[in-house]
Amino acid sequence: MRFAQLDDWLRWLETLHPRAIDMGLERTAHVAQTLGINLTMPVLSVAGTNGKGSCVALASAIFGAAGYRVGTYTSPHLLRYHERINLAGRTVTDGELLAAFAAIDSARGSTSLSYFEFGTLAALWLFERAELDVVVLEVGLGGRLDAVNIIDADVAIVSSIALDHEAWLGSDREAVGREKAGIFRAGRAAVIGDVDPPQSLLDYGGDIAAKLHCRNRDFSFSAIRLAWDWRGVDARGEALVYQNLPLPKLLIDNAATVLQALACLPLAVSEQAIHQGLQQASVAGRCQHIDLAGVDIVLDVAHNPAAVVTLRQHLQSQPVAGKTICVFAVMADKAIAQMCTILQGCFETWLLATLHDNPRAAQDVDVAAELRSLQLNNIECSGDVLTSMQRAMTLLRAGDRLVVFGSFFTVAEGMGVLSAWAKSSAKQPSNCSENTL
């Protein structure tokens, strides 16, 4: 074994391949073949600009409630690499990751693998050995050329289509749609959660004769006060209805999409399991609320305009009595001006944080310039995320709200700060509630 400690492996993986993102299936497929990876259980793959993690969490929770042993693969992680791989309701262990990494390193020979490709193979290798009933895979970037796409999914989900990662996926929704459609397979179900899917997505599905299930055509939902109804079709195309479903913590749009995908898989799921799974499913860092001395802290990884629209809607649907301020740090290659425009009027104060040692991160002074061009006031360049959150807590009292958002990196640092506060009686108010940390 090359290394005995997981941290040493992860540091090495960051240096193994010359490019952090290197789209293509050839390297991953070659090593997978050498390893003999051949998943025989049903597989659900999930792509989309936003909503992928929620779909994975919802599907996994419902399958788990139905008694199935579920394997899930997601990315990126927030605090620990182990978050990416879940085996039958538990996160992967150090020992399992060490064994998987060693097997891949031995099998790859001279083949160079990116950090993501190595991790994807590790998940697949572990899934084969865990005696699972079903696997749920989150596509990392795009679809057609993403390492996850070496697996032929029995059912594929595309949750939504919007602009993000334009350098790799294209600068319009039609280009993005074609990339996402790459996870569809001939003769197999493809579930589209976007209410206005690009024509490229539909055309590709039609060209390969995938069994398309489109929202508001083949499945739909209606919310009724504290419950909602769902209508769709089963694998035979016959009408299927669920009524009076509990509202999930996650978007109903994604829950409705997942129910249609589950209806297409060859696994029986009771209505009781659906109810239980909907109530249990959650995703850290997606409109996640934490109470700190009466201050409502919201953590959200929203990092593109479409995700920011969802964040704004969420904040408006759950108002607080007091004021709302934010800690914001974002990557420089994102549509920063558009994101800030969408959030005009949401925050009394913008605290612009700096993500040190992250070459992709936007500089706080550049973000400040964008905000000022929108005639926004009360802007502070407040240092790193820790310093910014400390500053925020001097401005807030019970009944107020703090929103920490802009990227996975921002939320990860915010979670680390809250976790440290929760462990320190000197810093933690007596009525602090950790709520999933």
Protein backbone atom coordinates (compact mmCIF):
# COMPACT_ATOMS: atom_id res chain seq x y z
CA MET A 1 0.00 0.00 0.00
CA ARG A 2 1.36 3.39 -1.01
CA PHE A 3 0.19 5.17 2.19
CA ALA A 4 -1.07 4.03 5.58
CA GLN A 5 -3.02 7.21 6.39
CA LEU A 6 -6.04 8.55 4.51
CA ASP A 7 -4.87 12.17 4.64
CA ASP A 8 -1.65 11.16 2.87
CA TRP A 9 -3.66 9.48 0.12
CA LEU A 10 -5.90 12.50 -0.35
CA ARG A 11 -2.97 14.93 -0.55
CA TRP A 12 -1.30 12.66 -3.10
CA LEU A 13 -4.47 12.36 -5.19
CA GLU A 14 -4.55 16.15 -5.56
CA THR A 15 -1.16 16.00 -7.31
CA LEU A 16 -1.56 12.79 -9.33
CA HIS A 17 -3.17 14.23 -12.46
CA PRO A 18 -1.94 17.34 -14.31
CA ARG A 19 -5.44 18.87 -14.46
CA ALA A 20 -7.96 19.10 -11.61
CA ILE A 21 -10.85 18.72 -14.09
CA ASP A 22 -10.19 16.54 -17.13
CA MET A 23 -13.40 15.44 -18.80
CA GLY A 24 -13.50 12.05 -20.49
CA LEU A 25 -14.37 8.42 -19.77
CA GLU A 26 -11.43 6.54 -21.24
CA ARG A 27 -9.12 6.54 -18.22
CA THR A 28 -11.82 5.69 -15.70
CA ALA A 29 -13.37 3.01 -17.90
CA HIS A 30 -9.98 1.37 -18.51
CA VAL A 31 -9.17 1.11 -14.80
CA ALA A 32 -12.71 -0.03 -13.98
CA GLN A 33 -12.34 -2.85 -16.49
CA THR A 34 -9.00 -3.85 -14.98
CA LEU A 35 -10.63 -3.91 -11.54
CA GLY A 36 -13.50 -5.99 -12.88
CA ILE A 37 -16.12 -3.50 -11.72
CA ASN A 38 -19.56 -4.66 -12.87
CA LEU A 39 -22.47 -3.44 -10.77
CA THR A 40 -25.35 -5.91 -10.97
CA MET A 41 -27.83 -4.13 -8.69
CA PRO A 42 -30.20 -1.42 -10.01
CA VAL A 43 -28.51 1.96 -10.47
CA LEU A 44 -30.06 5.43 -10.39
CA SER A 45 -27.84 8.22 -11.75
CA VAL A 46 -28.60 11.88 -11.09
CA ALA A 47 -27.37 14.84 -13.14
CA GLY A 48 -28.48 18.47 -13.18
CA THR A 49 -27.25 21.98 -12.56
CA ASN A 50 -28.99 22.19 -9.19
CA GLY A 51 -30.94 19.69 -7.11
CA LYS A 52 -28.68 16.67 -7.61
CA GLY A 53 -27.78 16.27 -3.96
CA SER A 54 -31.41 16.64 -2.89
CA CYS A 55 -32.52 13.97 -5.37
CA VAL A 56 -29.85 11.58 -4.11
CA ALA A 57 -30.82 12.21 -0.48
CA LEU A 58 -34.53 11.73 -1.17
CA ALA A 59 -34.07 8.54 -3.17
CA SER A 60 -31.67 7.11 -0.59
CA ALA A 61 -33.99 7.94 2.33
CA ILE A 62 -37.02 6.35 0.65
CA PHE A 63 -35.11 3.23 -0.36
CA GLY A 64 -33.70 2.95 3.15
CA ALA A 65 -37.16 3.30 4.68
CA ALA A 66 -38.30 0.50 2.38
CA GLY A 67 -35.64 -1.78 3.87
CA TYR A 68 -33.17 -1.76 0.99
CA ARG A 69 -29.41 -1.58 1.43
CA VAL A 70 -28.45 1.58 -0.47
CA GLY A 71 -25.09 2.81 -1.70
CA THR A 72 -24.75 6.52 -2.52
CA TYR A 73 -21.95 8.52 -4.10
CA THR A 74 -22.02 12.32 -3.95
CA SER A 75 -19.59 15.21 -4.38
CA PRO A 76 -18.10 17.44 -3.26
CA HIS A 77 -17.87 16.92 0.49
CA LEU A 78 -18.15 19.69 3.04
CA LEU A 79 -16.09 18.63 6.07
CA ARG A 80 -14.79 15.08 5.53
CA TYR A 81 -14.06 13.07 2.41
CA HIS A 82 -16.05 10.19 3.90
CA GLU A 83 -19.29 12.11 3.21
CA ARG A 84 -19.00 11.18 -0.46
CA ILE A 85 -19.65 7.45 0.00
CA ASN A 86 -22.45 5.92 2.02
CA LEU A 87 -22.88 2.18 2.43
CA ALA A 88 -26.26 0.93 3.67
CA GLY A 89 -26.91 3.92 5.90
CA ARG A 90 -23.39 4.64 7.16
CA THR A 91 -20.47 6.65 5.88
CA VAL A 92 -17.45 4.82 4.59
CA THR A 93 -14.59 4.14 7.03
CA ASP A 94 -10.91 5.02 6.75
CA GLY A 95 -10.06 1.34 6.38
CA GLU A 96 -12.49 0.86 3.50
CA LEU A 97 -11.16 3.91 1.67
CA LEU A 98 -7.56 2.77 2.19
CA ALA A 99 -8.36 -0.65 0.73
CA ALA A 100 -10.18 0.88 -2.25
CA PHE A 101 -7.43 3.40 -3.00
CA ALA A 102 -4.76 0.69 -2.81
CA ALA A 103 -6.70 -1.56 -5.20
CA ILE A 104 -7.16 1.27 -7.71
CA ASP A 105 -3.52 2.32 -7.46
CA SER A 106 -2.43 -1.21 -8.19
CA ALA A 107 -4.84 -1.66 -11.11
CA ARG A 108 -4.24 1.67 -12.86
CA GLY A 109 -0.63 0.97 -13.87
CA SER A 110 0.62 4.03 -15.76
CA THR A 111 -2.89 5.50 -16.19
CA SER A 112 -3.17 8.94 -14.61
CA LEU A 113 -6.44 9.63 -12.80
CA SER A 114 -7.89 12.88 -11.50
CA TYR A 115 -8.94 13.27 -7.87
CA PHE A 116 -12.59 12.83 -8.87
CA GLU A 117 -11.93 9.83 -11.12
CA PHE A 118 -9.99 8.07 -8.37
CA GLY A 119 -12.78 8.72 -5.88
CA THR A 120 -15.47 7.54 -8.29
CA LEU A 121 -13.67 4.26 -8.84
CA ALA A 122 -13.25 3.86 -5.08
CA ALA A 123 -17.01 4.23 -4.59
CA LEU A 124 -17.81 1.71 -7.32
CA TRP A 125 -15.23 -0.77 -5.98
CA LEU A 126 -16.74 -0.53 -2.50
CA PHE A 127 -20.30 -0.83 -3.78
CA GLU A 128 -19.51 -4.18 -5.35
CA ARG A 129 -18.31 -5.50 -1.99
CA ALA A 130 -21.07 -4.15 0.24
CA GLU A 131 -23.96 -6.47 -0.74
CA LEU A 132 -26.19 -3.58 -1.75
CA ASP A 133 -29.70 -3.71 -3.22
CA VAL A 134 -29.51 -0.40 -5.12
CA VAL A 135 -26.95 2.32 -5.90
CA VAL A 136 -27.60 6.06 -6.34
CA LEU A 137 -24.87 8.02 -8.14
CA GLU A 138 -24.54 11.80 -8.32
CA VAL A 139 -22.88 13.06 -11.50
CA GLY A 140 -20.08 15.45 -10.63
CA LEU A 141 -19.93 17.74 -13.66
CA GLY A 142 -22.10 17.63 -16.77
CA GLY A 143 -22.94 14.06 -17.60
CA ARG A 144 -21.71 12.82 -20.96
CA LEU A 145 -18.01 12.94 -20.05
CA ASP A 146 -18.27 12.64 -16.27
CA ALA A 147 -16.52 9.65 -14.68
CA VAL A 148 -19.81 8.44 -13.16
CA ASN A 149 -21.11 7.90 -16.69
CA ILE A 150 -19.03 4.75 -17.17
CA ILE A 151 -21.97 3.08 -15.42
CA ASP A 152 -25.12 2.40 -17.45
CA ALA A 153 -27.88 3.59 -15.15
CA ASP A 154 -31.18 1.72 -15.10
CA VAL A 155 -32.90 5.08 -14.55
CA ALA A 156 -31.38 8.52 -15.10
CA ILE A 157 -32.54 11.81 -13.59
CA VAL A 158 -31.80 15.29 -14.91
CA SER A 159 -33.07 17.52 -12.12
CA SER A 160 -32.62 20.96 -13.70
CA ILE A 161 -30.76 22.80 -16.46
CA ALA A 162 -29.15 26.20 -15.92
CA LEU A 163 -25.85 27.89 -16.69
CA ASP A 164 -22.84 26.90 -14.60
CA HIS A 165 -19.35 25.63 -15.38
CA GLU A 166 -19.62 27.23 -18.83
CA ALA A 167 -15.95 26.55 -19.61
CA TRP A 168 -16.71 22.82 -19.70
CA LEU A 169 -20.44 22.57 -20.47
CA GLY A 170 -21.18 25.46 -22.84
CA SER A 171 -22.59 28.96 -22.61
CA ASP A 172 -26.29 28.27 -23.28
CA ARG A 173 -28.94 25.86 -21.97
CA GLU A 174 -29.04 23.87 -25.19
CA ALA A 175 -25.34 23.04 -24.89
CA VAL A 176 -25.69 22.23 -21.21
CA GLY A 177 -28.73 20.07 -21.90
CA ARG A 178 -26.86 17.97 -24.43
CA GLU A 179 -24.09 17.31 -21.92
CA LYS A 180 -26.53 16.31 -19.17
CA ALA A 181 -28.45 14.06 -21.57
CA GLY A 182 -25.34 11.94 -21.96
CA ILE A 183 -26.36 9.87 -18.92
CA PHE A 184 -29.50 8.62 -20.73
CA ARG A 185 -29.44 5.07 -22.10
CA ALA A 186 -31.37 3.51 -24.96
CA GLY A 187 -34.57 1.81 -23.86
CA ARG A 188 -34.20 2.91 -20.26
CA ALA A 189 -36.15 5.47 -18.23
CA ALA A 190 -34.95 9.08 -18.20
CA VAL A 191 -36.74 11.43 -15.80
CA ILE A 192 -36.57 15.18 -16.47
CA GLY A 193 -37.41 17.46 -13.54
CA ASP A 194 -36.89 20.76 -15.37
CA VAL A 195 -40.24 22.38 -16.26
CA ASP A 196 -38.76 23.88 -19.43
CA PRO A 197 -36.15 21.40 -20.64
CA PRO A 198 -33.85 22.39 -23.51
CA GLN A 199 -34.78 20.85 -26.83
CA SER A 200 -31.33 19.25 -26.98
CA LEU A 201 -32.17 17.18 -23.91
CA LEU A 202 -35.43 15.95 -25.43
CA ASP A 203 -33.93 15.38 -28.86
CA TYR A 204 -31.07 13.25 -27.56
CA GLY A 205 -33.45 11.17 -25.47
CA GLY A 206 -35.62 10.65 -28.53
CA ASP A 207 -32.69 9.86 -30.81
CA ILE A 208 -31.49 7.01 -28.59
CA ALA A 209 -35.05 5.84 -27.78
CA ALA A 210 -34.79 6.49 -24.06
CA LYS A 211 -38.08 6.30 -22.17
CA LEU A 212 -38.58 9.98 -21.35
CA HIS A 213 -40.67 11.03 -18.37
CA CYS A 214 -41.15 14.80 -18.35
CA ARG A 215 -42.45 16.94 -15.53
CA ASN A 216 -45.92 18.40 -16.13
CA ARG A 217 -46.41 15.92 -18.95
CA ASP A 218 -45.84 12.47 -17.44
CA PHE A 219 -45.70 13.43 -13.77
CA SER A 220 -46.74 16.42 -11.69
CA PHE A 221 -47.54 17.55 -8.17
CA SER A 222 -49.84 19.95 -6.36
CA ALA A 223 -49.21 21.35 -2.88
CA ILE A 224 -52.17 21.64 -0.51
CA ARG A 225 -51.37 23.54 2.70
CA LEU A 226 -49.30 21.14 4.81
CA ALA A 227 -49.31 18.26 2.32
CA TRP A 228 -49.02 17.55 -1.39
CA ASP A 229 -50.30 15.15 -4.04
CA TRP A 230 -48.25 13.45 -6.76
CA ARG A 231 -49.35 11.96 -10.06
CA GLY A 232 -47.16 9.97 -12.41
CA VAL A 233 -46.82 6.63 -14.17
CA ASP A 234 -45.33 3.31 -13.23
CA ALA A 235 -42.85 1.27 -15.27
CA ARG A 236 -45.72 -0.03 -17.45
CA GLY A 237 -46.99 3.47 -18.15
CA GLU A 238 -50.07 3.05 -15.97
CA ALA A 239 -51.31 5.93 -13.80
CA LEU A 240 -49.90 6.13 -10.30
CA VAL A 241 -51.12 8.55 -7.60
CA TYR A 242 -49.92 9.40 -4.10
CA GLN A 243 -52.08 11.72 -2.03
CA ASN A 244 -51.55 13.68 1.17
CA LEU A 245 -47.78 13.27 1.20
CA PRO A 246 -45.80 15.02 3.97
CA LEU A 247 -43.87 18.13 2.98
CA PRO A 248 -40.14 17.32 2.75
CA LYS A 249 -37.35 19.53 4.10
CA LEU A 250 -36.09 19.69 0.50
CA LEU A 251 -37.77 21.13 -2.60
CA ILE A 252 -40.98 19.39 -3.61
CA ASP A 253 -39.82 19.75 -7.24
CA ASN A 254 -36.97 17.33 -6.55
CA ALA A 255 -39.15 15.03 -4.47
CA ALA A 256 -41.67 14.76 -7.32
CA THR A 257 -38.87 13.95 -9.77
CA VAL A 258 -37.50 11.26 -7.48
CA LEU A 259 -40.91 9.61 -7.05
CA GLN A 260 -41.18 9.24 -10.81
CA ALA A 261 -37.67 7.75 -11.00
CA LEU A 262 -38.44 5.28 -8.22
CA ALA A 263 -41.62 4.23 -10.02
CA CYS A 264 -39.47 3.19 -12.99
CA LEU A 265 -37.05 1.01 -11.01
CA PRO A 266 -37.65 -2.70 -10.40
CA LEU A 267 -37.84 -2.28 -6.63
CA ALA A 268 -41.09 -2.27 -4.67
CA VAL A 269 -41.51 0.82 -2.48
CA SER A 270 -44.53 1.16 -0.21
CA GLU A 271 -46.40 4.40 0.35
CA GLN A 272 -45.40 4.15 4.01
CA ALA A 273 -41.71 4.12 3.01
CA ILE A 274 -42.30 7.15 0.79
CA HIS A 275 -43.87 9.06 3.68
CA GLN A 276 -41.03 8.11 6.01
CA GLY A 277 -38.29 8.89 3.50
CA LEU A 278 -39.75 12.28 2.60
CA GLN A 279 -39.75 13.27 6.26
CA GLN A 280 -36.22 12.04 6.92
CA ALA A 281 -34.31 13.28 3.85
CA SER A 282 -32.00 16.25 4.32
CA VAL A 283 -28.80 17.61 2.80
CA ALA A 284 -26.23 19.52 4.82
CA GLY A 285 -25.57 22.99 3.47
CA ARG A 286 -28.76 23.28 1.41
CA CYS A 287 -30.99 25.86 3.11
CA GLN A 288 -29.83 24.33 6.38
CA HIS A 289 -31.03 26.17 9.51
CA ILE A 290 -29.09 26.27 12.76
CA ASP A 291 -30.22 28.18 15.85
CA LEU A 292 -27.48 30.09 17.66
CA ALA A 293 -28.68 32.10 20.66
CA GLY A 294 -31.96 32.81 18.89
CA VAL A 295 -30.26 33.86 15.67
CA ASP A 296 -31.39 31.82 12.65
CA ILE A 297 -28.24 30.84 10.75
CA VAL A 298 -28.87 29.57 7.22
CA LEU A 299 -26.12 27.69 5.39
CA ASP A 300 -26.53 27.33 1.64
CA VAL A 301 -24.03 26.31 -1.04
CA ALA A 302 -25.89 28.32 -3.73
CA HIS A 303 -23.21 29.32 -6.24
CA ASN A 304 -25.04 30.09 -9.48
CA PRO A 305 -28.03 32.27 -10.40
CA ALA A 306 -30.57 29.45 -10.48
CA ALA A 307 -29.56 28.24 -7.02
CA VAL A 308 -29.66 31.81 -5.69
CA VAL A 309 -33.24 32.16 -6.94
CA THR A 310 -34.13 29.11 -4.86
CA LEU A 311 -32.34 30.58 -1.85
CA ARG A 312 -34.23 33.86 -2.20
CA GLN A 313 -37.56 32.04 -2.43
CA HIS A 314 -36.70 30.00 0.65
CA LEU A 315 -35.79 33.08 2.69
CA GLN A 316 -38.98 34.83 1.62
CA SER A 317 -41.11 31.79 2.49
CA GLN A 318 -39.66 31.66 6.02
CA PRO A 319 -39.25 35.29 7.16
CA VAL A 320 -37.78 36.31 10.50
CA ALA A 321 -38.99 39.08 12.77
CA GLY A 322 -35.67 40.93 12.76
CA LYS A 323 -33.03 41.83 10.21
CA THR A 324 -31.10 39.55 7.85
CA ILE A 325 -27.42 39.90 6.98
CA CYS A 326 -25.09 37.64 5.05
CA VAL A 327 -21.55 36.33 4.89
CA PHE A 328 -20.77 35.88 1.20
CA ALA A 329 -17.75 34.39 -0.56
CA VAL A 330 -17.84 33.07 -4.12
CA MET A 331 -15.64 31.71 -6.87
CA ALA A 332 -14.37 34.26 -9.40
CA ASP A 333 -15.65 32.27 -12.39
CA LYS A 334 -19.30 32.52 -11.28
CA ALA A 335 -21.96 35.00 -12.47
CA ILE A 336 -21.42 37.23 -9.44
CA ALA A 337 -23.26 40.31 -10.68
CA GLN A 338 -26.32 38.27 -11.63
CA MET A 339 -26.31 36.45 -8.29
CA CYS A 340 -26.14 39.73 -6.37
CA THR A 341 -28.87 41.28 -8.52
CA ILE A 342 -31.23 38.42 -7.67
CA LEU A 343 -30.59 38.94 -3.97
CA GLN A 344 -31.13 42.70 -3.95
CA GLY A 345 -33.24 43.62 -0.95
CA CYS A 346 -32.59 40.37 0.92
CA PHE A 347 -29.85 41.59 3.26
CA GLU A 348 -29.44 44.71 5.36
CA THR A 349 -25.66 44.13 5.45
CA TRP A 350 -23.30 42.23 3.17
CA LEU A 351 -20.19 40.86 4.89
CA LEU A 352 -17.79 39.85 2.13
CA ALA A 353 -15.47 37.07 3.24
CA THR A 354 -12.11 36.01 1.83
CA LEU A 355 -11.38 32.35 1.09
CA HIS A 356 -7.65 32.16 1.72
CA ASP A 357 -5.52 29.60 -0.15
CA ASN A 358 -8.23 29.14 -2.78
CA PRO A 359 -6.96 30.39 -6.15
CA ARG A 360 -10.46 30.22 -7.69
CA ALA A 361 -12.04 32.51 -5.10
CA ALA A 362 -13.13 36.04 -6.00
CA GLN A 363 -11.43 38.84 -4.10
CA ASP A 364 -13.68 40.61 -1.61
CA VAL A 365 -12.85 44.03 -3.09
CA ASP A 366 -13.98 42.85 -6.54
CA VAL A 367 -17.26 41.54 -5.14
CA ALA A 368 -17.70 44.82 -3.29
CA ALA A 369 -17.32 46.70 -6.56
CA GLU A 370 -20.05 44.54 -8.14
CA LEU A 371 -22.39 45.28 -5.22
CA ARG A 372 -21.72 49.01 -5.32
CA SER A 373 -22.44 49.06 -9.05
CA LEU A 374 -25.91 47.80 -8.10
CA GLN A 375 -26.31 50.76 -5.72
CA LEU A 376 -26.17 48.47 -2.70
CA ASN A 377 -24.91 49.88 0.60
CA ASN A 378 -23.82 48.47 3.95
CA ILE A 379 -20.99 46.43 2.47
CA GLU A 380 -18.00 45.32 4.52
CA CYS A 381 -14.89 43.43 3.46
CA SER A 382 -14.77 41.48 6.67
CA GLY A 383 -11.81 39.09 6.46
CA ASP A 384 -11.97 35.31 6.44
CA VAL A 385 -15.15 33.35 7.14
CA LEU A 386 -14.39 33.04 10.86
CA THR A 387 -13.79 36.77 11.26
CA SER A 388 -16.84 37.56 9.15
CA MET A 389 -19.10 35.34 11.23
CA GLN A 390 -17.70 36.81 14.43
CA ARG A 391 -18.46 40.27 13.06
CA ALA A 392 -21.96 39.13 12.08
CA MET A 393 -22.75 37.96 15.60
CA THR A 394 -21.89 41.42 16.96
CA LEU A 395 -24.59 42.86 14.67
CA LEU A 396 -27.31 40.31 15.39
CA ARG A 397 -29.66 39.53 18.23
CA ALA A 398 -32.37 36.95 18.84
CA GLY A 399 -34.96 37.08 16.06
CA ASP A 400 -32.40 38.06 13.40
CA ARG A 401 -30.95 35.91 10.63
CA LEU A 402 -27.47 35.25 9.20
CA VAL A 403 -27.11 33.66 5.75
CA VAL A 404 -23.74 32.08 4.93
CA PHE A 405 -23.55 31.24 1.23
CA GLY A 406 -21.76 31.48 -2.13
CA SER A 407 -19.87 28.19 -2.54
CA PHE A 408 -19.23 24.79 -1.00
CA PHE A 409 -15.98 26.21 0.36
CA THR A 410 -17.81 29.06 2.10
CA VAL A 411 -20.32 26.75 3.74
CA ALA A 412 -17.64 24.24 4.72
CA GLU A 413 -15.71 26.97 6.54
CA GLY A 414 -18.93 28.23 8.10
CA MET A 415 -19.76 24.75 9.37
CA GLY A 416 -16.27 24.47 10.81
CA VAL A 417 -16.74 27.76 12.67
CA LEU A 418 -20.11 26.69 14.10
CA SER A 419 -18.73 23.31 15.11
CA ALA A 420 -15.83 24.98 16.93
CA TRP A 421 -18.21 27.37 18.69
CA ALA A 422 -20.42 24.49 19.73
CA LYS A 423 -17.43 22.75 21.34
CA SER A 424 -16.23 25.85 23.15
CA SER A 425 -18.30 26.85 26.19
CA ALA A 426 -16.48 30.18 26.19
CA LYS A 427 -17.81 31.05 22.73
CA GLN A 428 -21.09 29.14 22.66
CA PRO A 429 -24.21 30.85 24.03
CA SER A 430 -26.09 28.62 26.48
CA ASN A 431 -29.05 28.14 24.14
CA CYS A 432 -27.03 27.17 21.04
CA SER A 433 -28.62 24.32 19.07
CA GLU A 434 -26.28 22.41 16.76
CA ASN A 435 -29.02 20.94 14.50
CA THR A 436 -27.15 18.38 12.39
CA LEU A 437 -23.60 19.62 12.96
